[in-house]
Protein backbone atom coordinates (compact mmCIF):
# COMPACT_ATOMS: atom_id res chain seq x y z
CA MET A 1 40.76 -44.27 -88.52
CA GLY A 2 37.99 -47.15 -87.40
CA CYS A 3 37.33 -49.03 -84.33
CA LYS A 4 40.16 -51.44 -83.52
CA VAL A 5 39.34 -54.94 -83.13
CA LEU A 6 40.67 -58.26 -81.62
CA HIS A 7 38.87 -61.05 -83.36
CA ILE A 8 38.43 -64.28 -81.48
CA GLY A 9 37.66 -67.19 -83.77
CA ALA A 10 39.14 -68.28 -87.28
CA GLY A 11 37.78 -71.53 -87.77
CA GLY A 12 34.35 -73.26 -88.73
CA TYR A 13 32.10 -70.05 -89.03
CA GLY A 14 35.06 -67.78 -87.66
CA GLU A 15 36.74 -68.15 -91.41
CA ARG A 16 33.62 -66.61 -92.92
CA TRP A 17 34.19 -63.51 -90.46
CA CYS A 18 37.56 -63.39 -91.85
CA ASP A 19 37.09 -63.76 -95.47
CA THR A 20 33.84 -61.63 -95.86
CA PHE A 21 32.19 -59.75 -92.93
CA LEU A 22 35.61 -58.13 -91.20
CA PRO A 23 37.23 -57.38 -94.83
CA SER A 24 33.99 -55.81 -95.89
CA ASN A 25 34.24 -53.31 -92.84
CA VAL A 26 37.99 -52.90 -93.29
CA THR A 27 37.80 -51.89 -96.88
CA ASP A 28 35.60 -49.10 -96.04
CA GLY A 29 37.27 -47.74 -92.92
CA THR A 30 34.84 -48.92 -90.57
CA ILE A 31 37.27 -50.89 -88.58
CA GLU A 32 41.02 -52.18 -87.99
CA VAL A 33 41.53 -55.70 -87.04
CA VAL A 34 44.68 -55.72 -85.05
CA GLY A 35 44.64 -59.13 -83.52
CA LEU A 36 43.64 -62.74 -84.31
CA VAL A 37 43.07 -65.61 -82.02
CA ASP A 38 42.42 -69.43 -82.84
CA ILE A 39 43.72 -72.31 -80.99
CA ASP A 40 43.84 -74.10 -84.28
CA VAL A 41 47.35 -73.15 -85.78
CA HIS A 42 45.79 -73.80 -89.50
CA ALA A 43 42.55 -71.74 -88.91
CA LEU A 44 44.92 -69.08 -87.49
CA GLU A 45 46.99 -69.22 -90.56
CA ARG A 46 44.16 -69.13 -93.07
CA GLY A 47 42.45 -66.58 -91.07
CA ARG A 48 45.83 -64.57 -91.07
CA ARG A 49 45.83 -64.50 -94.79
CA HIS A 50 42.38 -63.06 -95.34
CA LEU A 51 42.78 -60.20 -93.14
CA GLY A 52 46.41 -59.48 -94.29
CA LEU A 53 47.58 -59.27 -90.66
CA LYS A 54 51.24 -60.04 -89.45
CA THR A 55 52.28 -63.17 -87.73
CA GLU A 56 52.95 -61.04 -84.31
CA GLN A 57 49.14 -59.82 -84.42
CA CYS A 58 48.15 -63.69 -84.09
CA PHE A 59 47.59 -65.98 -81.19
CA THR A 60 46.95 -69.43 -80.12
CA SER A 61 46.27 -67.83 -76.56
CA ALA A 62 43.57 -65.57 -75.92
CA GLN A 63 45.10 -64.59 -72.80
CA GLU A 64 48.32 -63.63 -74.04
CA ALA A 65 46.13 -61.85 -76.97
CA PHE A 66 44.31 -59.79 -74.56
CA ARG A 67 47.44 -58.71 -72.78
CA ALA A 68 49.29 -58.03 -75.95
CA VAL A 69 46.41 -56.11 -78.10
CA ASP A 70 45.07 -52.91 -77.62
CA ALA A 71 41.58 -52.68 -79.30
CA ASP A 72 38.20 -50.98 -78.88
CA PHE A 73 36.18 -53.90 -79.29
CA CYS A 74 36.62 -57.80 -79.42
CA SER A 75 34.37 -60.12 -81.78
CA ILE A 76 33.57 -63.63 -80.55
CA VAL A 77 32.78 -65.97 -82.90
CA ILE A 78 33.59 -69.59 -80.66
CA PRO A 79 31.14 -72.24 -79.42
CA PRO A 80 29.01 -70.43 -76.89
CA ALA A 81 30.04 -72.58 -73.91
CA LEU A 82 33.46 -70.83 -74.47
CA HIS A 83 31.86 -67.23 -74.51
CA GLU A 84 31.95 -66.08 -70.75
CA SER A 85 35.49 -66.68 -70.38
CA ILE A 86 36.14 -64.26 -73.33
CA VAL A 87 33.81 -62.10 -71.96
CA ASP A 88 35.86 -62.09 -69.04
CA LEU A 89 38.98 -61.13 -70.46
CA ALA A 90 37.23 -58.51 -72.51
CA VAL A 91 35.81 -56.63 -69.58
CA ALA A 92 38.92 -56.92 -67.51
CA ARG A 93 40.76 -54.86 -70.30
CA GLY A 94 38.10 -52.65 -70.78
CA MET A 95 37.17 -53.78 -74.08
CA HIS A 96 33.58 -53.55 -75.62
CA ILE A 97 32.16 -56.89 -77.24
CA LEU A 98 30.29 -58.28 -80.29
CA SER A 99 29.61 -61.59 -80.29
CA GLU A 100 27.89 -64.50 -82.26
CA LYS A 101 24.73 -65.76 -80.75
CA PRO A 102 23.58 -67.01 -78.22
CA ILE A 103 24.93 -64.91 -75.70
CA ALA A 104 25.97 -68.28 -73.71
CA ASP A 105 25.17 -71.92 -73.50
CA THR A 106 22.65 -71.81 -70.48
CA MET A 107 20.24 -68.90 -68.97
CA GLU A 108 22.55 -68.33 -65.99
CA ALA A 109 25.48 -67.91 -68.09
CA SER A 110 23.77 -65.44 -70.09
CA VAL A 111 22.57 -63.18 -67.42
CA ARG A 112 25.74 -63.60 -65.57
CA ILE A 113 27.59 -62.15 -69.00
CA ALA A 114 25.14 -59.42 -69.20
CA ASP A 115 25.49 -58.32 -65.73
CA LYS A 116 29.25 -58.32 -65.89
CA VAL A 117 29.07 -55.94 -68.87
CA LYS A 118 26.54 -53.70 -67.08
CA ALA A 119 28.68 -53.35 -64.03
CA ALA A 120 32.22 -53.12 -66.25
CA GLY A 121 30.45 -50.02 -68.30
CA ARG A 122 31.16 -51.58 -71.53
CA LYS A 123 28.67 -52.22 -74.46
CA MET A 124 28.14 -55.92 -75.63
CA ALA A 125 25.67 -56.67 -78.54
CA VAL A 126 24.96 -60.13 -80.27
CA THR A 127 24.76 -60.70 -83.96
CA MET A 128 21.45 -61.63 -84.33
CA SER A 129 22.51 -61.80 -88.41
CA HIS A 130 19.56 -63.45 -89.50
CA ARG A 131 17.11 -60.93 -88.54
CA PHE A 132 19.61 -58.30 -90.74
CA ASP A 133 19.44 -60.77 -93.70
CA GLN A 134 18.01 -58.77 -96.91
CA ASP A 135 14.77 -60.98 -97.12
CA LYS A 136 13.84 -61.06 -93.51
CA ALA A 137 14.76 -57.28 -93.02
CA THR A 138 12.55 -56.75 -96.07
CA LEU A 139 9.57 -58.82 -94.59
CA LYS A 140 10.05 -56.88 -91.33
CA GLU A 141 9.64 -53.41 -93.29
CA LEU A 142 6.34 -54.70 -94.87
CA VAL A 143 4.92 -55.55 -91.56
CA SER A 144 5.76 -52.58 -90.13
CA ALA A 145 4.46 -50.34 -92.67
CA GLY A 146 1.15 -50.03 -91.18
CA ALA A 147 -1.04 -50.92 -94.25
CA LEU A 148 -1.73 -54.48 -93.46
CA GLY A 149 -2.83 -53.59 -90.05
CA ARG A 150 -2.17 -55.66 -86.35
CA VAL A 151 -0.42 -58.68 -86.44
CA ASN A 152 -2.32 -61.64 -85.46
CA THR A 153 -0.19 -64.83 -85.91
CA VAL A 154 3.68 -65.25 -86.77
CA SER A 155 4.55 -68.71 -88.52
CA CYS A 156 8.19 -69.64 -89.14
CA ARG A 157 9.21 -73.10 -90.57
CA SER A 158 12.91 -74.05 -90.94
CA LEU A 159 13.80 -77.75 -91.68
CA CYS A 160 17.45 -78.61 -92.57
CA ASP A 161 19.21 -82.00 -93.39
CA PHE A 162 22.19 -82.01 -91.45
CA ARG A 163 21.16 -85.70 -89.95
CA ILE A 164 24.51 -86.93 -90.63
CA TYR A 165 27.30 -86.65 -87.52
CA ASP A 166 29.47 -83.87 -88.43
CA SER A 167 27.70 -82.00 -91.22
CA TRP A 168 26.15 -79.32 -89.06
CA SER A 169 30.07 -78.44 -87.12
CA ARG A 170 30.73 -81.53 -84.81
CA PHE A 171 29.77 -79.28 -81.60
CA ARG A 172 25.96 -79.28 -82.32
CA HIS A 173 25.83 -82.99 -82.76
CA GLU A 174 27.09 -83.15 -78.81
CA MET A 175 24.93 -80.63 -77.68
CA ILE A 176 21.94 -81.61 -75.82
CA HIS A 177 19.52 -79.00 -77.48
CA PRO A 178 21.20 -78.19 -80.98
CA MET A 179 17.90 -76.94 -82.75
CA LEU A 180 16.63 -74.77 -80.20
CA ILE A 181 20.32 -73.02 -79.01
CA GLU A 182 22.01 -73.03 -82.34
CA GLY A 183 19.14 -72.78 -84.51
CA ALA A 184 16.00 -71.48 -83.40
CA VAL A 185 17.64 -68.64 -81.45
CA HIS A 186 17.55 -66.68 -84.57
CA HIS A 187 13.98 -67.84 -85.37
CA LEU A 188 12.35 -67.14 -82.32
CA ASP A 189 14.30 -63.60 -82.52
CA ILE A 190 12.75 -63.01 -85.72
CA MET A 191 9.08 -63.85 -84.81
CA ALA A 192 9.13 -61.56 -81.65
CA ASP A 193 10.46 -58.84 -83.88
CA LEU A 194 7.97 -59.38 -86.54
CA ALA A 195 5.01 -59.83 -83.70
CA GLY A 196 6.20 -56.54 -82.34
CA ALA A 197 6.10 -57.42 -78.90
CA HIS A 198 8.01 -59.49 -76.20
CA CYS A 199 7.08 -63.54 -75.94
CA THR A 200 4.99 -63.73 -72.88
CA SER A 201 4.43 -67.51 -72.97
CA ILE A 202 6.06 -70.27 -74.82
CA PHE A 203 5.14 -74.07 -75.06
CA ALA A 204 7.67 -76.48 -76.70
CA ARG A 205 8.29 -79.90 -77.53
CA THR A 206 11.37 -81.51 -78.65
CA TRP A 207 12.96 -84.71 -79.82
CA LYS A 208 15.65 -86.68 -81.64
CA PRO A 209 14.18 -89.33 -84.80
CA GLU A 210 16.20 -92.38 -84.70
CA TRP A 211 18.09 -91.20 -87.96
CA ALA A 212 19.73 -88.10 -86.11
CA GLU A 213 23.00 -88.53 -85.42
CA TYR A 214 23.25 -86.18 -82.59
CA LYS A 215 23.12 -86.58 -78.50
CA GLY A 216 20.57 -83.99 -78.14
CA ASP A 217 17.14 -83.09 -79.81
CA THR A 218 16.85 -81.93 -83.31
CA ASP A 219 13.22 -81.54 -83.82
CA VAL A 220 10.99 -78.63 -81.88
CA ILE A 221 7.54 -77.36 -82.07
CA ALA A 222 6.58 -74.31 -80.13
CA LEU A 223 3.62 -72.39 -79.62
CA MET A 224 3.92 -68.69 -78.12
CA ASP A 225 1.94 -65.78 -76.94
CA PHE A 226 3.28 -62.19 -77.12
CA ALA A 227 2.24 -59.19 -74.86
CA ASN A 228 0.57 -57.32 -77.62
CA GLY A 229 -1.92 -60.43 -78.29
CA ALA A 230 -0.26 -61.76 -81.52
CA TYR A 231 0.94 -65.27 -81.39
CA GLY A 232 3.52 -67.64 -83.07
CA ILE A 233 3.85 -70.84 -84.34
CA TYR A 234 7.14 -72.55 -84.83
CA GLU A 235 8.45 -75.95 -86.95
CA GLY A 236 12.26 -76.68 -86.57
CA SER A 237 14.46 -79.56 -87.46
CA SER A 238 18.07 -80.08 -87.92
CA ALA A 239 17.58 -83.66 -89.26
CA GLN A 240 14.59 -83.50 -92.21
CA SER A 241 14.58 -85.67 -94.53
CA THR A 242 15.05 -83.28 -97.62
CA GLY A 243 15.90 -80.06 -96.65
CA LEU A 244 12.24 -78.54 -97.27
CA ASN A 245 13.59 -75.04 -95.84
CA PRO A 246 17.11 -75.03 -95.24
CA TRP A 247 19.64 -72.90 -93.38
CA GLY A 248 18.72 -68.83 -94.53
CA PHE A 249 15.75 -69.93 -96.89
CA GLU A 250 13.27 -70.61 -94.37
CA TYR A 251 9.54 -70.12 -94.47
CA PHE A 252 7.86 -67.13 -92.58
CA ARG A 253 4.09 -66.20 -92.85
CA VAL A 254 2.97 -63.11 -90.93
CA GLU A 255 -1.06 -62.96 -90.80
CA THR A 256 -2.80 -59.47 -90.36
CA THR A 257 -5.96 -57.50 -90.40
CA TYR A 258 -5.79 -56.90 -93.95
CA GLY A 259 -3.58 -59.51 -95.59
CA THR A 260 -0.85 -62.18 -95.38
CA ALA A 261 2.89 -61.65 -95.90
CA ILE A 262 4.82 -64.83 -96.88
CA LEU A 263 8.48 -65.22 -97.22
CA ASP A 264 9.67 -68.64 -98.66
CA HIS A 265 13.08 -69.26 -100.22
CA ARG A 266 14.12 -65.62 -100.01
CA GLU A 267 11.07 -64.73 -102.33
CA LEU A 268 8.33 -62.62 -100.67
CA GLU A 269 5.06 -62.26 -101.16
CA VAL A 270 1.89 -60.67 -100.10
CA PHE A 271 -1.84 -60.81 -100.21
CA HIS A 272 -4.56 -58.08 -99.50
CA ARG A 273 -7.88 -58.56 -98.39
CA ASP A 274 -10.41 -57.34 -100.77
CA SER A 275 -13.01 -55.43 -98.48
CA LYS A 276 -15.62 -55.87 -101.33
CA ARG A 277 -15.86 -59.51 -101.28
CA ILE A 278 -17.40 -61.66 -97.79
CA TYR A 279 -15.48 -64.37 -98.90
CA GLN A 280 -11.77 -64.88 -100.34
CA LYS A 281 -9.38 -67.87 -101.13
CA SER A 282 -5.90 -67.35 -102.49
CA ARG A 283 -2.79 -69.70 -103.33
CA GLN A 284 0.74 -69.10 -102.22
CA GLY A 285 2.86 -68.11 -105.51
CA GLU A 286 -0.41 -66.19 -106.82
CA GLY A 287 0.27 -63.04 -104.59
CA GLN A 288 1.93 -59.72 -105.22
CA GLN A 289 5.49 -60.00 -105.24
CA VAL A 290 7.83 -58.04 -103.32
CA SER A 291 11.29 -56.70 -104.39
CA LEU A 292 14.07 -57.35 -101.53
CA LEU A 293 15.35 -54.09 -100.14
CA ALA A 294 18.76 -52.41 -101.52
CA GLY A 295 22.04 -52.37 -99.31
CA LYS A 296 25.31 -52.83 -99.50
CA LYS A 297 25.63 -54.73 -96.24
CA TRP A 298 23.55 -57.60 -94.61
CA LYS A 299 23.92 -59.49 -91.48
CA ASN A 300 27.05 -59.51 -89.43
CA ALA A 301 28.65 -57.18 -92.08
CA LEU A 302 25.97 -54.76 -91.23
CA LEU A 303 26.23 -55.56 -87.75
CA ILE A 304 29.65 -54.86 -87.22
CA GLU A 305 28.81 -51.23 -88.85
CA GLN A 306 26.12 -50.08 -86.45
CA PHE A 307 28.19 -51.66 -83.35
CA CYS A 308 30.83 -49.42 -84.23
CA LYS A 309 28.30 -46.61 -85.12
CA TRP A 310 26.89 -47.52 -81.42
CA LEU A 311 30.69 -46.87 -79.91
CA ASP A 312 30.51 -43.40 -81.87
CA GLY A 313 27.61 -42.27 -79.72
CA ASP A 314 24.62 -43.35 -81.87
CA PRO A 315 21.56 -45.25 -80.05
CA PRO A 316 22.11 -48.57 -78.78
CA LEU A 317 22.50 -51.66 -81.31
CA VAL A 318 19.00 -53.21 -81.19
CA THR A 319 20.67 -56.70 -80.34
CA ASN A 320 22.42 -55.12 -77.36
CA ILE A 321 22.94 -57.67 -74.85
CA GLU A 322 19.99 -56.53 -72.38
CA ASP A 323 17.35 -56.63 -75.08
CA ASN A 324 19.00 -60.13 -76.62
CA LEU A 325 18.41 -61.72 -73.26
CA GLN A 326 14.41 -61.78 -74.52
CA SER A 327 15.84 -64.14 -77.23
CA VAL A 328 17.74 -66.19 -75.14
CA ALA A 329 15.02 -66.24 -72.54
CA MET A 330 12.85 -67.84 -75.59
CA VAL A 331 15.25 -70.54 -76.26
CA PHE A 332 15.55 -71.53 -72.57
CA GLY A 333 12.04 -71.20 -71.80
CA ALA A 334 11.28 -73.45 -74.63
CA ILE A 335 13.64 -76.15 -73.51
CA GLU A 336 12.41 -75.97 -69.97
CA SER A 337 8.72 -76.11 -71.54
CA ALA A 338 9.92 -79.35 -73.01
CA ARG A 339 11.41 -80.70 -69.90
CA MET A 340 8.25 -79.86 -67.83
CA GLY A 341 5.69 -80.66 -70.24
CA LYS A 342 3.98 -77.28 -69.93
CA PRO A 343 4.02 -73.68 -70.93
CA VAL A 344 6.86 -71.42 -69.61
CA LYS A 345 5.83 -67.69 -68.56
CA VAL A 346 8.89 -66.28 -70.27
CA GLN A 347 9.17 -62.92 -68.43
CA GLU A 348 8.89 -64.44 -65.07
CA PHE A 349 11.64 -67.16 -66.15
CA LEU A 350 13.81 -64.36 -67.29
CA GLN A 351 13.17 -62.47 -64.06
CA SER A 352 13.87 -65.48 -61.74
CA PHE A 353 17.55 -65.64 -62.83
CA ARG A 354 18.28 -61.73 -62.17
CA GLU A 355 16.60 -61.99 -58.87
CA GLY A 356 17.31 -65.77 -57.95
CA ALA A 357 13.66 -66.09 -56.99
CA PRO A 358 11.85 -69.53 -57.83
CA ILE A 359 10.93 -70.02 -61.35
CA ALA A 360 7.30 -69.46 -61.81
CA LEU A 361 5.65 -71.74 -64.52
């Protein structure tokens, strides 16, 4: 019998969980979905059909669901501002938690959630699904193999055309920093993983062009320092004119001692330095093509499986909440940097919320 799951959120991206991620793990016996929650009765009914649940297993009230359902963990796929209220219900019921990113919509709430989960003795992880996509996982394996040497710089470009209101789900168009909180949270997480170290400093600029139908900033450029001496360059936009590198088809480049690895539109190529030549030049598209890793599950489907293995006694999932605070600190550190107009020391920024000390910038 697999882990019993109470799933929160059947609309929007939650429907993808109901029709794809959860069912693939139900089929192989990894999980059993025992309850479903959504305030939208139409989304709830669609999710019920996808998961083959009985009507009495579906709820429009999270409070009622947590009272009625006995589960090993809950999965949370609702807007980040609502995450903490669900975490409170879960820890009160003794459930573990698997949540969509980010942990919460503020640094303060993210740290509060991590502290609550730890105090309750529960396990919580965040579905940093992009890092576990097939193409990004292949790039990570290539860089980690050692043949390319030490990482010098990591670059990422994500340029999406979501400029029209409601094209990227309405709640994002109402946010103050939609690109950083909802997009860059994935990209910065991947960059730190590729660099192989925590981020120590981030300097960001954010803005909103006049054509972007958002309340908040849609564009960001950021520079990062990592603890091992690597550097990062990030360019992101949710209101770019042509969708040059849209969601899931980002550009990543890793520069190393002995070569360059480029991932662009899910195609990976590597360039190796010829030690016999004193001068070299290359062109994207003319490198050595690298086949993507084989696997039956990727992204959230894989993370659900790995989370269940953690509950069964395996080592902690690498996206456990304590480690994931590093990614959240990069995002909110970038927001603070953009506000202040100067770099933020990421580790001191994070620690200040844990100890209540003044923020060191």
